[in-house]
């Protein structure tokens, strides 16, 4: 469950096609330190699962359905995104 309160503004570090969806890397120094592989994170209001965690970044895999129903298809390197951790 998410509160809708943005905890950090992240930046798209990398985006690449992966299968039918997108692998999206996000620079987020504050939130990345709290994440573990498999944790949920809200990106622009869409719940995603962290698949890779770095020191100040994380990556998620957005399925085709998510890409089609969100603004994820407009993401480019450098795009700023709203980030939120669940309660």
C-alpha atoms as a PDB file:
ATOM      1  CA  UNK A   1       0.000   0.000   0.000  1.00  0.00           C
ATOM      2  CA  UNK A   2       1.268   3.458  -0.934  1.00  0.00           C
ATOM      3  CA  UNK A   3       0.373   6.813   0.650  1.00  0.00           C
ATOM      4  CA  UNK A   4       0.779   8.948  -2.457  1.00  0.00           C
ATOM      5  CA  UNK A   5       3.492  10.992  -0.738  1.00  0.00           C
ATOM      6  CA  UNK A   6       6.534  11.379  -2.973  1.00  0.00           C
ATOM      7  CA  UNK A   7       9.712  10.500  -1.073  1.00  0.00           C
ATOM      8  CA  UNK A   8      12.282  11.314  -3.722  1.00  0.00           C
ATOM      9  CA  UNK A   9      12.605  12.648  -7.245  1.00  0.00           C
ATOM     10  CA  UNK A  10      14.695  10.116  -9.144  1.00  0.00           C
ATOM     11  CA  UNK A  11      16.214  10.283 -12.593  1.00  0.00           C
ATOM     12  CA  UNK A  12      16.113   7.688 -15.356  1.00  0.00           C
ATOM     13  CA  UNK A  13      19.679   6.428 -15.625  1.00  0.00           C
ATOM     14  CA  UNK A  14      19.116   3.807 -18.294  1.00  0.00           C
ATOM     15  CA  UNK A  15      16.242   2.355 -20.241  1.00  0.00           C
ATOM     16  CA  UNK A  16      16.416  -0.620 -22.535  1.00  0.00           C
ATOM     17  CA  UNK A  17      14.078  -3.041 -24.252  1.00  0.00           C
ATOM     18  CA  UNK A  18      13.890  -6.374 -22.447  1.00  0.00           C
ATOM     19  CA  UNK A  19      11.565  -9.001 -23.848  1.00  0.00           C
ATOM     20  CA  UNK A  20       8.167  -7.354 -24.370  1.00  0.00           C
ATOM     21  CA  UNK A  21       8.821  -4.710 -21.710  1.00  0.00           C
ATOM     22  CA  UNK A  22      11.456  -2.298 -20.482  1.00  0.00           C
ATOM     23  CA  UNK A  23      14.306  -2.574 -17.998  1.00  0.00           C
ATOM     24  CA  UNK A  24      14.424   0.833 -16.314  1.00  0.00           C
ATOM     25  CA  UNK A  25      17.363   1.993 -14.193  1.00  0.00           C
ATOM     26  CA  UNK A  26      16.649   4.871 -11.819  1.00  0.00           C
ATOM     27  CA  UNK A  27      19.174   6.983  -9.907  1.00  0.00           C
ATOM     28  CA  UNK A  28      17.739   7.538  -6.418  1.00  0.00           C
ATOM     29  CA  UNK A  29      20.349   7.891  -3.648  1.00  0.00           C
ATOM     30  CA  UNK A  30      17.817   8.133  -0.801  1.00  0.00           C
ATOM     31  CA  UNK A  31      15.458   5.311  -1.762  1.00  0.00           C
ATOM     32  CA  UNK A  32      18.094   2.928  -3.174  1.00  0.00           C
ATOM     33  CA  UNK A  33      19.658   2.509   0.279  1.00  0.00           C
ATOM     34  CA  UNK A  34      16.290   1.275   1.621  1.00  0.00           C
ATOM     35  CA  UNK A  35      15.534  -1.190  -1.172  1.00  0.00           C
ATOM     36  CA  UNK A  36      16.244  -4.890  -1.389  1.00  0.00           C
ATOM     37  CA  UNK A  37      15.770  -7.096  -4.437  1.00  0.00           C
ATOM     38  CA  UNK A  38      12.056  -7.911  -4.731  1.00  0.00           C
ATOM     39  CA  UNK A  39      10.851  -4.803  -2.868  1.00  0.00           C
ATOM     40  CA  UNK A  40       8.058  -2.660  -4.258  1.00  0.00           C
ATOM     41  CA  UNK A  41       8.624   0.930  -5.321  1.00  0.00           C
ATOM     42  CA  UNK A  42       6.148   3.382  -6.816  1.00  0.00           C
ATOM     43  CA  UNK A  43       7.382   5.138  -9.961  1.00  0.00           C
ATOM     44  CA  UNK A  44       5.071   7.940 -11.048  1.00  0.00           C
ATOM     45  CA  UNK A  45       2.316   6.132  -9.168  1.00  0.00           C
ATOM     46  CA  UNK A  46       2.854   2.704 -10.748  1.00  0.00           C
ATOM     47  CA  UNK A  47       3.958  -0.103  -8.438  1.00  0.00           C
ATOM     48  CA  UNK A  48       7.104  -1.847  -9.680  1.00  0.00           C
ATOM     49  CA  UNK A  49       9.453  -4.486  -8.262  1.00  0.00           C
ATOM     50  CA  UNK A  50      13.148  -3.751  -7.755  1.00  0.00           C
ATOM     51  CA  UNK A  51      15.152  -6.365  -9.668  1.00  0.00           C
ATOM     52  CA  UNK A  52      18.681  -4.981  -9.239  1.00  0.00           C
ATOM     53  CA  UNK A  53      19.952  -2.611  -6.545  1.00  0.00           C
ATOM     54  CA  UNK A  54      23.095  -0.461  -6.762  1.00  0.00           C
ATOM     55  CA  UNK A  55      24.618   1.984  -4.284  1.00  0.00           C
ATOM     56  CA  UNK A  56      22.530   4.933  -5.456  1.00  0.00           C
ATOM     57  CA  UNK A  57      20.275   3.374  -8.110  1.00  0.00           C
ATOM     58  CA  UNK A  58      17.888   0.516  -8.756  1.00  0.00           C
ATOM     59  CA  UNK A  59      16.357  -1.242 -11.736  1.00  0.00           C
ATOM     60  CA  UNK A  60      12.832  -2.482 -12.389  1.00  0.00           C
ATOM     61  CA  UNK A  61      11.273  -4.475 -15.204  1.00  0.00           C
ATOM     62  CA  UNK A  62       8.103  -2.870 -16.578  1.00  0.00           C
ATOM     63  CA  UNK A  63       5.885  -5.337 -18.426  1.00  0.00           C
ATOM     64  CA  UNK A  64       4.347  -4.338 -21.765  1.00  0.00           C
ATOM     65  CA  UNK A  65       0.933  -3.789 -20.134  1.00  0.00           C
ATOM     66  CA  UNK A  66       2.479  -1.328 -17.659  1.00  0.00           C
ATOM     67  CA  UNK A  67       4.311   0.502 -20.439  1.00  0.00           C
ATOM     68  CA  UNK A  68       1.104   0.772 -22.476  1.00  0.00           C
ATOM     69  CA  UNK A  69      -0.981   2.109 -19.572  1.00  0.00           C
ATOM     70  CA  UNK A  70       1.483   4.590 -18.035  1.00  0.00           C
ATOM     71  CA  UNK A  71       3.795   7.364 -19.128  1.00  0.00           C
ATOM     72  CA  UNK A  72       6.741   4.927 -18.981  1.00  0.00           C
ATOM     73  CA  UNK A  73       6.825   4.821 -22.794  1.00  0.00           C
ATOM     74  CA  UNK A  74       7.901   8.484 -22.755  1.00  0.00           C
ATOM     75  CA  UNK A  75      10.854   7.868 -20.400  1.00  0.00           C
ATOM     76  CA  UNK A  76      14.293   8.825 -21.664  1.00  0.00           C
ATOM     77  CA  UNK A  77      17.668   9.030 -19.973  1.00  0.00           C
ATOM     78  CA  UNK A  78      17.474  12.057 -17.682  1.00  0.00           C
ATOM     79  CA  UNK A  79      13.674  11.999 -17.218  1.00  0.00           C
ATOM     80  CA  UNK A  80      12.760  12.849 -13.624  1.00  0.00           C
ATOM     81  CA  UNK A  81      10.312  10.524 -11.878  1.00  0.00           C
ATOM     82  CA  UNK A  82       8.384  10.594  -8.617  1.00  0.00           C
ATOM     83  CA  UNK A  83       9.375   7.768  -6.257  1.00  0.00           C
ATOM     84  CA  UNK A  84       7.626   6.294  -3.262  1.00  0.00           C
ATOM     85  CA  UNK A  85       8.155   3.324  -0.988  1.00  0.00           C
ATOM     86  CA  UNK A  86       5.182   1.344   0.372  1.00  0.00           C
ATOM     87  CA  UNK A  87       4.020   1.651   3.961  1.00  0.00           C
END
